[in-house]
Amino acid sequence: MIWNIIIRGTCLCFGVSLLSLAPQILALGGSHGLYPIRHFLQKAASETNNSLSQHKIIQSLCLFFQYPTLFWIFPSSDKYLTMITYGAGLIALGGMFNIVSPMLAIFIAWLVFLSMATMLSEFICFPWDYLLLEIGFAILILLSACDDNSIYHNNIPLLTKWPFYVLFWRLMLGMGEICLL
């Protein structure tokens, strides 16, 4: 029961985060924004092209692993930025109400939020942003390792619970450190 609440709460957090980011996305990363995503991608690609061999597939994989973002695959136009942010936020809220599979909703929202956090790291740099990405990844591990019945009856393997224990202690220690500063 508690795991179901955590999963739906994570869908809610992703939905609220992405829907609150959507009206600001053009001012932050649009073509005329403060930090245009297109320029960042061109700069990253030119740096990687200088340091790697001439194999196009290896360069593309290295770029994706250095800067994990959907914008290597899809265009970074203003319309796409707005559409993907609103769409992922609505899908995450759909996962909260079980309109969409929660695993699919969290995966899409996590991937879009990771893309935004990678490309707009000057603006999405608060501890709770990274904590949301980490808990989303931990829930993806949980949902891929367990079925709905075992989650509802709290029959979750101990190895699957460990990411949550680590995140809990990291949250407690990290927030305590912030309060001391």
C-alpha atoms as a PDB file:
ATOM      1  CA  MET A   1       0.000   0.000   0.000  1.00  0.00           C
ATOM      2  CA  ILE A   2       2.740   2.469   0.960  1.00  0.00           C
ATOM      3  CA  TRP A   3       4.700   1.689  -2.217  1.00  0.00           C
ATOM      4  CA  ASN A   4       1.639   2.481  -4.279  1.00  0.00           C
ATOM      5  CA  ILE A   5       1.412   5.881  -2.564  1.00  0.00           C
ATOM      6  CA  ILE A   6       5.111   6.514  -3.233  1.00  0.00           C
ATOM      7  CA  ILE A   7       4.703   5.628  -6.916  1.00  0.00           C
ATOM      8  CA  ARG A   8       1.655   7.864  -7.361  1.00  0.00           C
ATOM      9  CA  GLY A   9       3.302  10.660  -5.370  1.00  0.00           C
ATOM     10  CA  THR A  10       6.324  10.499  -7.661  1.00  0.00           C
ATOM     11  CA  CYS A  11       4.017  10.780 -10.675  1.00  0.00           C
ATOM     12  CA  LEU A  12       2.467  13.850  -9.041  1.00  0.00           C
ATOM     13  CA  CYS A  13       5.883  15.416  -8.368  1.00  0.00           C
ATOM     14  CA  PHE A  14       7.031  14.841 -11.941  1.00  0.00           C
ATOM     15  CA  GLY A  15       3.752  16.218 -13.277  1.00  0.00           C
ATOM     16  CA  VAL A  16       3.886  19.373 -11.160  1.00  0.00           C
ATOM     17  CA  SER A  17       7.592  19.908 -11.901  1.00  0.00           C
ATOM     18  CA  LEU A  18       7.211  19.564 -15.650  1.00  0.00           C
ATOM     19  CA  LEU A  19       3.981  21.555 -15.877  1.00  0.00           C
ATOM     20  CA  SER A  20       5.537  24.383 -13.868  1.00  0.00           C
ATOM     21  CA  LEU A  21       8.642  24.282 -16.087  1.00  0.00           C
ATOM     22  CA  ALA A  22       6.614  24.331 -19.323  1.00  0.00           C
ATOM     23  CA  PRO A  23       5.627  28.044 -19.306  1.00  0.00           C
ATOM     24  CA  GLN A  24       9.252  28.991 -18.581  1.00  0.00           C
ATOM     25  CA  ILE A  25      10.966  26.669 -21.031  1.00  0.00           C
ATOM     26  CA  LEU A  26      11.095  29.093 -23.960  1.00  0.00           C
ATOM     27  CA  ALA A  27      12.521  31.886 -21.810  1.00  0.00           C
ATOM     28  CA  LEU A  28      15.194  29.538 -20.473  1.00  0.00           C
ATOM     29  CA  GLY A  29      16.158  27.264 -23.370  1.00  0.00           C
ATOM     30  CA  GLY A  30      14.231  28.451 -26.423  1.00  0.00           C
ATOM     31  CA  SER A  31      15.878  29.830 -29.548  1.00  0.00           C
ATOM     32  CA  HIS A  32      15.793  33.376 -28.077  1.00  0.00           C
ATOM     33  CA  GLY A  33      16.090  32.279 -24.436  1.00  0.00           C
ATOM     34  CA  LEU A  34      18.745  32.889 -21.818  1.00  0.00           C
ATOM     35  CA  TYR A  35      20.576  29.642 -22.578  1.00  0.00           C
ATOM     36  CA  PRO A  36      19.509  28.307 -25.996  1.00  0.00           C
ATOM     37  CA  ILE A  37      19.614  24.536 -26.113  1.00  0.00           C
ATOM     38  CA  ARG A  38      20.609  24.491 -29.776  1.00  0.00           C
ATOM     39  CA  HIS A  39      23.867  26.384 -29.030  1.00  0.00           C
ATOM     40  CA  PHE A  40      24.699  24.037 -26.160  1.00  0.00           C
ATOM     41  CA  LEU A  41      24.225  20.994 -28.398  1.00  0.00           C
ATOM     42  CA  GLN A  42      26.410  22.468 -31.146  1.00  0.00           C
ATOM     43  CA  LYS A  43      29.170  23.312 -28.668  1.00  0.00           C
ATOM     44  CA  ALA A  44      29.055  19.848 -27.086  1.00  0.00           C
ATOM     45  CA  ALA A  45      29.116  18.164 -30.487  1.00  0.00           C
ATOM     46  CA  SER A  46      32.112  20.199 -31.674  1.00  0.00           C
ATOM     47  CA  GLU A  47      34.066  19.415 -28.478  1.00  0.00           C
ATOM     48  CA  THR A  48      33.343  15.706 -28.807  1.00  0.00           C
ATOM     49  CA  ASN A  49      34.172  15.650 -32.531  1.00  0.00           C
ATOM     50  CA  ASN A  50      37.622  17.063 -31.781  1.00  0.00           C
ATOM     51  CA  SER A  51      38.426  14.493 -29.112  1.00  0.00           C
ATOM     52  CA  LEU A  52      37.087  11.275 -30.691  1.00  0.00           C
ATOM     53  CA  SER A  53      37.790   9.141 -33.676  1.00  0.00           C
ATOM     54  CA  GLN A  54      35.975   9.496 -36.968  1.00  0.00           C
ATOM     55  CA  HIS A  55      33.359   6.782 -36.237  1.00  0.00           C
ATOM     56  CA  LYS A  56      29.962   8.473 -36.307  1.00  0.00           C
ATOM     57  CA  ILE A  57      28.225   5.820 -34.168  1.00  0.00           C
ATOM     58  CA  ILE A  58      30.859   6.061 -31.438  1.00  0.00           C
ATOM     59  CA  GLN A  59      30.607   9.853 -31.450  1.00  0.00           C
ATOM     60  CA  SER A  60      26.807   9.704 -31.158  1.00  0.00           C
ATOM     61  CA  LEU A  61      26.954   7.242 -28.259  1.00  0.00           C
ATOM     62  CA  CYS A  62      29.597   9.290 -26.464  1.00  0.00           C
ATOM     63  CA  LEU A  63      27.529  12.440 -26.900  1.00  0.00           C
ATOM     64  CA  PHE A  64      24.439  10.733 -25.518  1.00  0.00           C
ATOM     65  CA  PHE A  65      26.284   9.308 -22.502  1.00  0.00           C
ATOM     66  CA  GLN A  66      28.050  12.596 -21.749  1.00  0.00           C
ATOM     67  CA  TYR A  67      24.913  14.691 -22.187  1.00  0.00           C
ATOM     68  CA  PRO A  68      21.880  12.380 -21.828  1.00  0.00           C
ATOM     69  CA  THR A  69      19.093  14.224 -23.571  1.00  0.00           C
ATOM     70  CA  LEU A  70      16.320  13.581 -26.056  1.00  0.00           C
ATOM     71  CA  PHE A  71      17.480  16.591 -28.046  1.00  0.00           C
ATOM     72  CA  TRP A  72      20.164  14.527 -29.771  1.00  0.00           C
ATOM     73  CA  ILE A  73      17.336  12.537 -31.371  1.00  0.00           C
ATOM     74  CA  PHE A  74      14.581  15.116 -31.775  1.00  0.00           C
ATOM     75  CA  PRO A  75      14.919  18.713 -32.962  1.00  0.00           C
ATOM     76  CA  SER A  76      15.301  21.428 -30.355  1.00  0.00           C
ATOM     77  CA  SER A  77      12.718  23.786 -31.827  1.00  0.00           C
ATOM     78  CA  ASP A  78      10.626  26.039 -29.614  1.00  0.00           C
ATOM     79  CA  LYS A  79       7.442  24.174 -30.501  1.00  0.00           C
ATOM     80  CA  TYR A  80       9.005  20.839 -29.595  1.00  0.00           C
ATOM     81  CA  LEU A  81      10.349  22.154 -26.274  1.00  0.00           C
ATOM     82  CA  THR A  82       6.920  23.343 -25.219  1.00  0.00           C
ATOM     83  CA  MET A  83       5.122  20.270 -26.533  1.00  0.00           C
ATOM     84  CA  ILE A  84       7.399  17.725 -24.878  1.00  0.00           C
ATOM     85  CA  THR A  85       7.357  19.496 -21.511  1.00  0.00           C
ATOM     86  CA  TYR A  86       3.569  19.840 -21.363  1.00  0.00           C
ATOM     87  CA  GLY A  87       3.085  16.339 -22.766  1.00  0.00           C
ATOM     88  CA  ALA A  88       5.375  14.652 -20.250  1.00  0.00           C
ATOM     89  CA  GLY A  89       3.765  16.579 -17.385  1.00  0.00           C
ATOM     90  CA  LEU A  90       0.289  15.476 -18.450  1.00  0.00           C
ATOM     91  CA  ILE A  91       1.434  11.872 -18.925  1.00  0.00           C
ATOM     92  CA  ALA A  92       2.909  11.910 -15.411  1.00  0.00           C
ATOM     93  CA  LEU A  93      -0.383  13.140 -13.983  1.00  0.00           C
ATOM     94  CA  GLY A  94      -2.128  10.438 -16.015  1.00  0.00           C
ATOM     95  CA  GLY A  95       0.116   7.889 -14.298  1.00  0.00           C
ATOM     96  CA  MET A  96      -0.963   9.219 -10.927  1.00  0.00           C
ATOM     97  CA  PHE A  97      -4.620   8.573 -11.769  1.00  0.00           C
ATOM     98  CA  ASN A  98      -3.800   5.238 -13.472  1.00  0.00           C
ATOM     99  CA  ILE A  99      -4.944   6.529 -16.868  1.00  0.00           C
ATOM    100  CA  VAL A 100      -1.469   5.659 -18.136  1.00  0.00           C
ATOM    101  CA  SER A 101       0.682   2.878 -16.734  1.00  0.00           C
ATOM    102  CA  PRO A 102       2.657   4.388 -13.810  1.00  0.00           C
ATOM    103  CA  MET A 103       5.860   2.744 -15.048  1.00  0.00           C
ATOM    104  CA  LEU A 104       5.456   4.240 -18.518  1.00  0.00           C
ATOM    105  CA  ALA A 105       4.491   7.626 -17.065  1.00  0.00           C
ATOM    106  CA  ILE A 106       7.483   7.744 -14.719  1.00  0.00           C
ATOM    107  CA  PHE A 107       9.842   6.585 -17.462  1.00  0.00           C
ATOM    108  CA  ILE A 108       8.687   9.270 -19.914  1.00  0.00           C
ATOM    109  CA  ALA A 109       8.660  12.001 -17.246  1.00  0.00           C
ATOM    110  CA  TRP A 110      12.080  10.904 -15.942  1.00  0.00           C
ATOM    111  CA  LEU A 111      13.572  10.916 -19.447  1.00  0.00           C
ATOM    112  CA  VAL A 112      12.178  14.372 -20.267  1.00  0.00           C
ATOM    113  CA  PHE A 113      13.190  15.816 -16.892  1.00  0.00           C
ATOM    114  CA  LEU A 114      16.684  14.328 -17.285  1.00  0.00           C
ATOM    115  CA  SER A 115      16.902  15.940 -20.728  1.00  0.00           C
ATOM    116  CA  MET A 116      15.876  19.306 -19.320  1.00  0.00           C
ATOM    117  CA  ALA A 117      18.231  18.999 -16.352  1.00  0.00           C
ATOM    118  CA  THR A 118      21.116  18.138 -18.680  1.00  0.00           C
ATOM    119  CA  MET A 119      20.572  20.987 -21.108  1.00  0.00           C
ATOM    120  CA  LEU A 120      19.425  23.611 -18.580  1.00  0.00           C
ATOM    121  CA  SER A 121      21.777  22.715 -15.740  1.00  0.00           C
ATOM    122  CA  GLU A 122      22.192  26.372 -14.777  1.00  0.00           C
ATOM    123  CA  PHE A 123      18.489  26.586 -13.930  1.00  0.00           C
ATOM    124  CA  ILE A 124      17.610  23.038 -12.861  1.00  0.00           C
ATOM    125  CA  CYS A 125      20.343  22.621 -10.278  1.00  0.00           C
ATOM    126  CA  PHE A 126      18.596  22.454  -6.924  1.00  0.00           C
ATOM    127  CA  PRO A 127      18.951  19.380  -4.678  1.00  0.00           C
ATOM    128  CA  TRP A 128      15.264  18.504  -4.990  1.00  0.00           C
ATOM    129  CA  ASP A 129      15.567  18.393  -8.790  1.00  0.00           C
ATOM    130  CA  TYR A 130      18.283  15.769  -8.582  1.00  0.00           C
ATOM    131  CA  LEU A 131      16.446  13.941  -5.810  1.00  0.00           C
ATOM    132  CA  LEU A 132      13.391  13.704  -8.079  1.00  0.00           C
ATOM    133  CA  LEU A 133      15.541  12.184 -10.830  1.00  0.00           C
ATOM    134  CA  GLU A 134      17.063   9.718  -8.370  1.00  0.00           C
ATOM    135  CA  ILE A 135      13.754   8.627  -6.864  1.00  0.00           C
ATOM    136  CA  GLY A 136      12.302   8.282 -10.362  1.00  0.00           C
ATOM    137  CA  PHE A 137      15.155   5.976 -11.314  1.00  0.00           C
ATOM    138  CA  ALA A 138      14.740   3.966  -8.096  1.00  0.00           C
ATOM    139  CA  ILE A 139      11.019   3.563  -8.783  1.00  0.00           C
ATOM    140  CA  LEU A 140      11.771   2.399 -12.316  1.00  0.00           C
ATOM    141  CA  ILE A 141      13.993  -0.299 -10.777  1.00  0.00           C
ATOM    142  CA  LEU A 142      11.212  -1.203  -8.333  1.00  0.00           C
ATOM    143  CA  LEU A 143       8.529  -1.402 -11.027  1.00  0.00           C
ATOM    144  CA  SER A 144      10.700  -3.454 -13.368  1.00  0.00           C
ATOM    145  CA  ALA A 145      11.617  -5.950 -10.617  1.00  0.00           C
ATOM    146  CA  CYS A 146       8.159  -6.426  -9.090  1.00  0.00           C
ATOM    147  CA  ASP A 147       4.634  -6.989 -10.288  1.00  0.00           C
ATOM    148  CA  ASP A 148       1.597  -5.037  -9.042  1.00  0.00           C
ATOM    149  CA  ASN A 149       0.542  -7.781  -6.652  1.00  0.00           C
ATOM    150  CA  SER A 150       3.872  -7.906  -4.805  1.00  0.00           C
ATOM    151  CA  ILE A 151       3.996  -4.097  -4.557  1.00  0.00           C
ATOM    152  CA  TYR A 152       0.479  -3.943  -3.106  1.00  0.00           C
ATOM    153  CA  HIS A 153       1.189  -6.692  -0.549  1.00  0.00           C
ATOM    154  CA  ASN A 154       4.651  -5.327   0.308  1.00  0.00           C
ATOM    155  CA  ASN A 155       6.442  -8.460  -0.931  1.00  0.00           C
ATOM    156  CA  ILE A 156       9.362  -6.551  -2.384  1.00  0.00           C
ATOM    157  CA  PRO A 157      12.841  -8.088  -2.544  1.00  0.00           C
ATOM    158  CA  LEU A 158      15.363  -6.487  -0.207  1.00  0.00           C
ATOM    159  CA  LEU A 159      17.760  -5.704  -3.058  1.00  0.00           C
ATOM    160  CA  THR A 160      15.029  -3.607  -4.708  1.00  0.00           C
ATOM    161  CA  LYS A 161      14.463  -1.624  -1.499  1.00  0.00           C
ATOM    162  CA  TRP A 162      18.128  -0.604  -1.131  1.00  0.00           C
ATOM    163  CA  PRO A 163      17.990   2.379  -3.521  1.00  0.00           C
ATOM    164  CA  PHE A 164      15.223   3.851  -1.364  1.00  0.00           C
ATOM    165  CA  TYR A 165      17.217   3.368   1.834  1.00  0.00           C
ATOM    166  CA  VAL A 166      20.221   5.080   0.249  1.00  0.00           C
ATOM    167  CA  LEU A 167      18.048   7.935  -1.009  1.00  0.00           C
ATOM    168  CA  PHE A 168      16.461   8.346   2.414  1.00  0.00           C
ATOM    169  CA  TRP A 169      19.829   8.654   4.169  1.00  0.00           C
ATOM    170  CA  ARG A 170      21.166  10.910   1.453  1.00  0.00           C
ATOM    171  CA  LEU A 171      18.118  13.132   1.830  1.00  0.00           C
ATOM    172  CA  MET A 172      18.482  13.303   5.600  1.00  0.00           C
ATOM    173  CA  LEU A 173      22.218  14.005   5.515  1.00  0.00           C
ATOM    174  CA  GLY A 174      22.057  16.351   2.519  1.00  0.00           C
ATOM    175  CA  MET A 175      19.243  18.475   3.874  1.00  0.00           C
ATOM    176  CA  GLY A 176      20.950  18.617   7.241  1.00  0.00           C
ATOM    177  CA  GLU A 177      24.087  19.863   5.544  1.00  0.00           C
ATOM    178  CA  ILE A 178      22.105  22.545   3.718  1.00  0.00           C
ATOM    179  CA  CYS A 179      20.517  23.665   6.974  1.00  0.00           C
ATOM    180  CA  LEU A 180      23.943  24.048   8.579  1.00  0.00           C
ATOM    181  CA  LEU A 181      25.158  26.238   5.754  1.00  0.00           C
END
